[in-house]
Amino acid sequence: MSREVSTSSEGNGKVTRVIRMGTRKSQLARIQTDSVAETLKKLYPDLQLEIVAMSTIGDKILDTALSKIGEKSLFTKELENALERNEVDLVVHSLKDLPTSLPPGFTIGAVLQRENPHDAVVLHPKNAGLTLDTLPEKSVIGTSSLRRAAQLKKRFPQLEFENIRGNLNTRLKKLDEKDDYAAIILAAAGLKRMGWENRISQVLGPEDCMYAVGQGALAVEVRARDRDILEMVSILHHPDTVLRCMAERAFLKQLEGGCSVPVAVYTEVKNSVLYLTGAVYSLDGSECLKDTMQTNIELDNKLHQSGEECVHVGITANNISQAALDAAEKLGLDLANLLLTKGAKDILTTARQLNDAR
């Protein structure tokens, strides 16, 4: 395929390549893409960037729960199509939107430092000062996530959980302007990036609600063959975030999970040890398999040397210790296999069937 390269003349006879960045049209997606563009401009002052915004399937279908649409790449397909057609050179995503297996020819060239990955409670203004524990019985909580609903139903059986769709702005509007919901659950990272931290009434710790794979991290997806772009964005990799998210993605991939089943994780790095807690749930949260494993990820200087790129669960990170990457991926696989030996497949199969039947 011929390479279409946008160029820009700076009036001094110097021609620079224009890098086109693809993004979803939502306000949050634009804020996230602008932040990546800003970082790239600081690192490469001569870089010319152009942002190309587009709508995805997930942005267009707003009356159906995400888990019911049955499409793995709800928020990524149109962006990847543009990448494939050379209409953009890289795409900025929320990592949790990216499937664990990417289409051939694409790779995640950067995983940026993670924002707070936990979920947050946003209360209806009339419930200010309350928490999920102190809300009146039978209060309705809005969430579009099977993972959140399964965990919170078990933890807060006195509350009721209903689906709510739309981007952040839409969901907050639905909460504030109607009386349908006492509160909604949203990712703390998105609220923070939007500048709406003041709406967070409660951040849910892992004992209440573990988060989604990759939640809170931004990813830059590129064409695997574009070595120059891959090298340019690789400087954005945040090693701890890469290793945590790699373990999480390997865990999810081995379980064959997606947004149509409740799978949750919690990771941390302490003293060169990576800890991964992973769990699978039945839709109502009554059944749960959960365990924790750890691995040593001391960052040595042995980087990937061979001509072939080394890709782990869709991520290319040639500038991070090979041994650490291998260990992180193996940790995710091992924990998934442990849960599978305990019956995780049955729980997930039932959850998938029940969700399809709803």
Protein backbone atom coordinates (compact mmCIF):
# COMPACT_ATOMS: atom_id res chain seq x y z
CA MET A 1 0.00 0.00 0.00
CA SER A 2 1.41 3.42 -0.84
CA ARG A 3 2.16 5.67 2.10
CA GLU A 4 0.27 8.94 2.09
CA VAL A 5 2.36 11.36 4.10
CA SER A 6 0.95 14.77 4.97
CA THR A 7 3.63 17.41 4.82
CA SER A 8 3.75 21.01 5.87
CA SER A 9 6.06 23.71 4.57
CA GLU A 10 7.18 26.09 7.28
CA GLY A 11 8.08 28.89 4.91
CA ASN A 12 11.80 28.35 5.40
CA GLY A 13 12.01 25.65 2.77
CA LYS A 14 11.90 23.01 5.50
CA VAL A 15 9.19 20.41 5.03
CA THR A 16 8.02 18.50 8.10
CA ARG A 17 5.69 15.55 8.23
CA VAL A 18 2.29 16.20 9.76
CA ILE A 19 1.27 13.49 12.22
CA ARG A 20 -2.50 12.96 12.21
CA MET A 21 -3.98 11.77 15.51
CA GLY A 22 -7.34 9.97 15.45
CA THR A 23 -9.79 10.28 18.33
CA ARG A 24 -13.44 9.78 19.23
CA LYS A 25 -15.55 12.93 19.15
CA SER A 26 -16.61 12.95 22.80
CA GLN A 27 -15.33 15.76 25.01
CA LEU A 28 -13.40 13.32 27.22
CA ALA A 29 -11.75 11.64 24.21
CA ARG A 30 -10.72 15.06 22.88
CA ILE A 31 -9.27 16.09 26.26
CA GLN A 32 -7.32 12.83 26.42
CA THR A 33 -6.00 13.20 22.87
CA ASP A 34 -5.07 16.85 23.45
CA SER A 35 -3.07 15.83 26.55
CA VAL A 36 -1.12 13.24 24.51
CA ALA A 37 -0.56 15.82 21.74
CA GLU A 38 0.72 18.33 24.30
CA THR A 39 3.19 15.78 25.73
CA LEU A 40 4.44 14.87 22.24
CA LYS A 41 4.91 18.56 21.37
CA LYS A 42 7.01 19.08 24.51
CA LEU A 43 9.19 16.08 23.64
CA TYR A 44 9.37 16.88 19.89
CA PRO A 45 9.00 20.69 19.51
CA ASP A 46 9.22 20.52 15.67
CA LEU A 47 6.37 18.03 15.41
CA GLN A 48 3.31 19.11 13.41
CA LEU A 49 0.15 17.49 14.80
CA GLU A 50 -3.37 17.43 13.41
CA ILE A 51 -6.32 15.94 15.32
CA VAL A 52 -8.99 14.02 13.39
CA ALA A 53 -12.17 13.28 15.37
CA MET A 54 -14.77 10.65 14.42
CA SER A 55 -17.78 8.80 15.86
CA THR A 56 -17.66 5.08 16.67
CA ILE A 57 -20.37 2.39 16.92
CA GLY A 58 -20.36 2.75 20.72
CA ASP A 59 -20.97 6.50 20.38
CA LYS A 60 -23.91 5.95 18.02
CA ILE A 61 -25.83 3.16 19.78
CA LEU A 62 -26.97 4.80 23.00
CA ASP A 63 -30.16 2.91 23.82
CA THR A 64 -28.56 -0.51 24.42
CA ALA A 65 -26.28 -1.77 27.17
CA LEU A 66 -22.70 -2.10 25.91
CA SER A 67 -22.61 -5.74 26.99
CA LYS A 68 -25.63 -6.49 24.75
CA ILE A 69 -24.24 -5.05 21.50
CA GLY A 70 -21.89 -7.99 21.14
CA GLU A 71 -19.17 -6.09 19.29
CA LYS A 72 -15.70 -6.29 20.84
CA SER A 73 -14.34 -3.13 19.25
CA LEU A 74 -17.26 -0.79 19.97
CA PHE A 75 -15.17 2.32 20.49
CA THR A 76 -12.19 1.43 18.30
CA LYS A 77 -13.29 -0.02 14.94
CA GLU A 78 -13.83 3.22 13.00
CA LEU A 79 -10.57 4.62 14.37
CA GLU A 80 -8.69 1.49 13.31
CA ASN A 81 -10.31 1.65 9.86
CA ALA A 82 -8.92 5.19 9.49
CA LEU A 83 -5.51 3.95 10.65
CA GLU A 84 -5.63 1.15 8.09
CA ARG A 85 -6.54 3.57 5.28
CA ASN A 86 -3.66 5.89 6.25
CA GLU A 87 -6.12 8.67 7.09
CA VAL A 88 -4.50 8.96 10.53
CA ASP A 89 -1.04 7.95 11.80
CA LEU A 90 -1.90 7.10 15.38
CA VAL A 91 -5.00 6.82 17.54
CA VAL A 92 -5.46 7.69 21.23
CA HIS A 93 -7.76 5.36 23.17
CA SER A 94 -8.76 4.63 26.72
CA LEU A 95 -6.85 1.36 27.13
CA LYS A 96 -9.90 -0.36 28.64
CA ASP A 97 -11.73 0.10 25.29
CA LEU A 98 -9.06 -1.84 23.37
CA PRO A 99 -9.66 -5.60 22.95
CA THR A 100 -6.85 -7.88 24.19
CA SER A 101 -6.26 -9.06 20.59
CA LEU A 102 -5.80 -6.28 18.05
CA PRO A 103 -6.46 -6.68 14.32
CA PRO A 104 -3.37 -7.75 12.30
CA GLY A 105 -1.07 -4.86 11.48
CA PHE A 106 -1.86 -2.77 14.57
CA THR A 107 -0.08 -2.48 17.91
CA ILE A 108 -0.23 -0.39 21.07
CA GLY A 109 2.94 1.70 20.85
CA ALA A 110 2.52 3.52 24.16
CA VAL A 111 0.70 3.08 27.46
CA LEU A 112 0.86 6.32 29.41
CA GLN A 113 1.05 6.80 33.18
CA ARG A 114 -2.18 5.64 34.73
CA GLU A 115 -4.63 8.03 36.31
CA ASN A 116 -6.56 6.76 39.38
CA PRO A 117 -8.02 3.47 38.02
CA HIS A 118 -10.83 3.13 40.61
CA ASP A 119 -14.54 3.70 40.17
CA ALA A 120 -16.27 6.67 41.77
CA VAL A 121 -19.76 7.35 43.11
CA VAL A 122 -21.45 10.51 41.82
CA LEU A 123 -24.56 11.35 43.83
CA HIS A 124 -27.75 13.10 42.76
CA PRO A 125 -27.49 16.61 44.29
CA LYS A 126 -30.36 15.82 46.71
CA ASN A 127 -28.24 13.01 48.23
CA ALA A 128 -25.19 15.18 48.91
CA GLY A 129 -23.15 13.92 51.86
CA LEU A 130 -24.39 10.33 51.64
CA THR A 131 -22.48 7.18 50.57
CA LEU A 132 -23.59 3.87 49.05
CA ASP A 133 -23.83 2.58 52.64
CA THR A 134 -26.10 5.38 53.84
CA LEU A 135 -28.39 5.86 50.81
CA PRO A 136 -32.02 4.87 51.49
CA GLU A 137 -32.93 1.24 50.83
CA LYS A 138 -34.00 0.47 47.22
CA SER A 139 -32.16 3.56 45.91
CA VAL A 140 -31.43 3.12 42.19
CA ILE A 141 -27.79 3.28 41.09
CA GLY A 142 -26.98 3.76 37.40
CA THR A 143 -24.12 1.86 35.78
CA SER A 144 -23.52 0.59 32.26
CA SER A 145 -21.01 -2.02 33.46
CA LEU A 146 -21.74 -5.67 34.31
CA ARG A 147 -18.50 -5.70 36.31
CA ARG A 148 -19.56 -2.81 38.54
CA ALA A 149 -23.12 -4.09 38.95
CA ALA A 150 -22.04 -7.64 39.89
CA GLN A 151 -19.63 -6.46 42.60
CA LEU A 152 -21.87 -3.75 44.02
CA LYS A 153 -25.00 -5.94 44.11
CA LYS A 154 -23.13 -8.33 46.37
CA ARG A 155 -21.59 -5.59 48.50
CA PHE A 156 -24.72 -3.39 48.74
CA PRO A 157 -27.72 -5.77 48.47
CA GLN A 158 -30.10 -3.06 49.75
CA LEU A 159 -29.59 -1.00 46.56
CA GLU A 160 -30.93 -1.51 43.04
CA PHE A 161 -28.85 -1.25 39.89
CA GLU A 162 -30.05 -0.11 36.48
CA ASN A 163 -28.37 0.48 33.14
CA ILE A 164 -27.37 3.99 32.11
CA ARG A 165 -25.69 4.79 28.76
CA GLY A 166 -24.15 7.82 27.13
CA ASN A 167 -20.89 9.69 27.42
CA LEU A 168 -19.89 11.34 30.71
CA ASN A 169 -21.74 14.58 29.97
CA THR A 170 -24.94 12.70 29.04
CA ARG A 171 -24.86 10.45 32.11
CA LEU A 172 -24.29 13.35 34.51
CA LYS A 173 -27.16 15.22 32.85
CA LYS A 174 -29.46 12.19 33.23
CA LEU A 175 -28.50 12.01 36.91
CA ASP A 176 -28.93 15.69 37.74
CA GLU A 177 -32.01 16.58 35.68
CA LYS A 178 -34.20 13.57 36.46
CA ASP A 179 -35.08 11.63 39.57
CA ASP A 180 -34.40 8.20 38.03
CA TYR A 181 -31.08 7.61 39.83
CA ALA A 182 -29.90 8.25 43.38
CA ALA A 183 -26.31 7.98 42.15
CA ILE A 184 -24.26 6.75 39.21
CA ILE A 185 -20.91 4.94 39.09
CA LEU A 186 -18.23 6.32 36.78
CA ALA A 187 -14.47 5.91 36.35
CA ALA A 188 -12.65 8.37 38.62
CA ALA A 189 -10.05 8.95 35.85
CA GLY A 190 -12.60 10.32 33.38
CA LEU A 191 -14.13 12.67 35.95
CA LYS A 192 -10.69 13.95 36.89
CA ARG A 193 -9.65 14.52 33.26
CA MET A 194 -12.90 16.43 32.65
CA GLY A 195 -12.19 18.65 35.66
CA TRP A 196 -15.20 17.29 37.56
CA GLU A 197 -13.41 15.94 40.62
CA ASN A 198 -15.75 17.96 42.81
CA ARG A 199 -18.59 15.62 41.77
CA ILE A 200 -16.84 12.56 43.26
CA SER A 201 -18.60 11.70 46.52
CA GLN A 202 -16.78 8.43 47.13
CA VAL A 203 -13.93 6.53 45.47
CA LEU A 204 -14.55 2.78 45.64
CA GLY A 205 -11.57 0.81 46.91
CA PRO A 206 -10.84 -2.80 45.85
CA GLU A 207 -12.82 -4.17 48.82
CA ASP A 208 -15.97 -2.57 47.33
CA CYS A 209 -15.31 -2.69 43.59
CA MET A 210 -12.22 -3.75 41.67
CA TYR A 211 -11.67 -2.01 38.37
CA ALA A 212 -11.71 -2.94 34.68
CA VAL A 213 -8.63 -4.18 32.84
CA GLY A 214 -6.61 -1.15 31.72
CA GLN A 215 -8.92 1.37 33.44
CA GLY A 216 -7.40 4.82 33.92
CA ALA A 217 -4.61 4.35 31.33
CA LEU A 218 -4.38 5.91 27.88
CA ALA A 219 -2.99 3.95 24.94
CA VAL A 220 -1.59 5.06 21.59
CA GLU A 221 -2.36 2.60 18.79
CA VAL A 222 -0.23 2.68 15.63
CA ARG A 223 0.42 0.67 12.48
CA ALA A 224 2.95 -2.01 13.44
CA ARG A 225 4.97 -1.40 10.26
CA ASP A 226 5.47 2.33 11.00
CA ARG A 227 8.79 1.99 12.82
CA ASP A 228 9.35 5.76 12.97
CA ILE A 229 5.98 6.44 14.62
CA LEU A 230 6.41 3.43 16.92
CA GLU A 231 9.78 4.74 18.05
CA MET A 232 8.45 8.28 18.45
CA VAL A 233 5.55 7.29 20.74
CA SER A 234 7.49 4.64 22.72
CA ILE A 235 8.98 7.42 24.86
CA LEU A 236 5.46 7.87 26.32
CA HIS A 237 5.48 4.37 27.89
CA HIS A 238 5.24 4.41 31.70
CA PRO A 239 6.97 1.18 32.80
CA ASP A 240 4.89 0.41 35.93
CA THR A 241 1.64 1.13 34.08
CA VAL A 242 2.75 -1.00 31.11
CA LEU A 243 3.57 -3.97 33.36
CA ARG A 244 0.37 -3.69 35.43
CA CYS A 245 -1.82 -3.38 32.33
CA MET A 246 0.04 -6.19 30.56
CA ALA A 247 -0.70 -8.57 33.45
CA GLU A 248 -4.34 -7.42 33.49
CA ARG A 249 -4.77 -7.85 29.72
CA ALA A 250 -3.12 -11.30 29.75
CA PHE A 251 -5.50 -12.31 32.57
CA LEU A 252 -8.57 -11.15 30.62
CA LYS A 253 -7.39 -12.67 27.34
CA GLN A 254 -6.78 -16.09 28.92
CA LEU A 255 -10.27 -15.99 30.47
CA GLU A 256 -11.70 -14.98 27.08
CA GLY A 257 -13.48 -12.16 28.84
CA GLY A 258 -14.81 -8.92 27.37
CA CYS A 259 -17.45 -6.36 28.29
CA SER A 260 -20.16 -9.06 28.14
CA VAL A 261 -18.86 -10.77 31.30
CA PRO A 262 -18.02 -9.45 34.79
CA VAL A 263 -14.21 -9.62 35.17
CA ALA A 264 -12.35 -7.30 37.53
CA VAL A 265 -8.74 -6.68 38.54
CA TYR A 266 -6.55 -4.82 41.01
CA THR A 267 -2.78 -4.42 40.53
CA GLU A 268 0.07 -2.73 42.33
CA VAL A 269 3.85 -2.60 42.11
CA LYS A 270 5.79 -2.53 45.38
CA ASN A 271 9.56 -3.01 45.71
CA SER A 272 9.91 -4.53 42.22
CA VAL A 273 7.08 -6.99 42.88
CA LEU A 274 3.94 -6.90 40.74
CA TYR A 275 0.76 -8.02 42.53
CA LEU A 276 -2.32 -8.98 40.52
CA THR A 277 -5.71 -9.70 42.05
CA GLY A 278 -8.30 -10.92 39.56
CA ALA A 279 -11.90 -12.03 39.91
CA VAL A 280 -14.84 -13.31 37.89
CA TYR A 281 -18.45 -12.91 38.97
CA SER A 282 -21.91 -14.16 38.17
CA LEU A 283 -24.21 -11.34 36.93
CA ASP A 284 -25.82 -10.90 40.34
CA GLY A 285 -22.50 -11.14 42.17
CA SER A 286 -23.61 -14.17 44.21
CA GLU A 287 -20.84 -16.33 42.72
CA CYS A 288 -17.29 -15.05 42.76
CA LEU A 289 -13.86 -16.56 42.19
CA LYS A 290 -11.02 -14.30 43.28
CA ASP A 291 -7.32 -14.78 43.91
CA THR A 292 -4.02 -12.91 44.06
CA MET A 293 -0.60 -13.79 42.65
CA GLN A 294 2.69 -11.94 42.46
CA THR A 295 5.89 -11.91 40.44
CA ASN A 296 9.26 -10.20 40.56
CA ILE A 297 9.64 -7.55 37.84
CA GLU A 298 13.02 -6.02 38.55
CA LEU A 299 13.74 -3.76 35.61
CA ASP A 300 17.05 -4.96 34.18
CA ASN A 301 18.63 -3.33 31.17
CA LYS A 302 18.10 -6.27 28.82
CA LEU A 303 15.85 -4.74 26.21
CA HIS A 304 14.46 -6.50 23.17
CA GLN A 305 17.30 -6.82 20.67
CA SER A 306 16.20 -8.87 17.65
CA GLY A 307 14.84 -7.33 14.44
CA GLU A 308 11.35 -8.71 15.15
CA GLU A 309 9.14 -6.59 17.37
CA CYS A 310 8.20 -8.26 20.64
CA VAL A 311 4.47 -7.89 21.29
CA HIS A 312 2.68 -8.86 24.51
CA VAL A 313 -1.17 -8.79 24.48
CA GLY A 314 -1.12 -6.18 21.72
CA ILE A 315 1.52 -3.95 23.35
CA THR A 316 4.94 -3.28 21.80
CA ALA A 317 7.39 -2.03 24.44
CA ASN A 318 10.92 -2.52 23.15
CA ASN A 319 12.29 0.05 25.61
CA ILE A 320 11.22 -1.90 28.73
CA SER A 321 13.05 -4.87 30.26
CA GLN A 322 12.20 -8.03 28.33
CA ALA A 323 12.29 -10.18 31.48
CA ALA A 324 9.84 -7.85 33.25
CA LEU A 325 7.43 -7.89 30.28
CA ASP A 326 7.55 -11.70 30.10
CA ALA A 327 6.97 -11.97 33.86
CA ALA A 328 3.98 -9.59 33.78
CA GLU A 329 2.31 -11.46 30.93
CA LYS A 330 2.95 -14.82 32.60
CA LEU A 331 1.45 -13.52 35.86
CA GLY A 332 -1.82 -12.72 34.08
CA LEU A 333 -1.88 -16.11 32.35
CA ASP A 334 -1.09 -17.99 35.57
CA LEU A 335 -3.79 -16.25 37.58
CA ALA A 336 -6.38 -16.83 34.84
CA ASN A 337 -5.42 -20.51 34.66
CA LEU A 338 -5.72 -20.79 38.44
CA LEU A 339 -9.28 -19.39 38.34
CA LEU A 340 -10.13 -21.60 35.36
CA THR A 341 -9.12 -24.69 37.36
CA LYS A 342 -11.52 -23.52 40.09
CA GLY A 343 -14.48 -23.22 37.70
CA ALA A 344 -14.24 -19.69 36.26
CA LYS A 345 -15.30 -20.87 32.79
CA ASP A 346 -18.70 -22.08 34.08
CA ILE A 347 -19.36 -18.77 35.87
CA LEU A 348 -18.43 -16.74 32.79
CA THR A 349 -20.36 -18.98 30.35
CA THR A 350 -23.51 -18.69 32.48
CA ALA A 351 -23.03 -14.91 32.82
CA ARG A 352 -22.65 -14.59 29.04
CA GLN A 353 -25.76 -16.70 28.36
CA LEU A 354 -27.89 -14.85 30.91
CA ASN A 355 -26.73 -11.50 29.58
CA ASP A 356 -27.57 -12.55 25.99
CA ALA A 357 -31.03 -13.68 27.09
CA ARG A 358 -31.90 -10.44 28.89
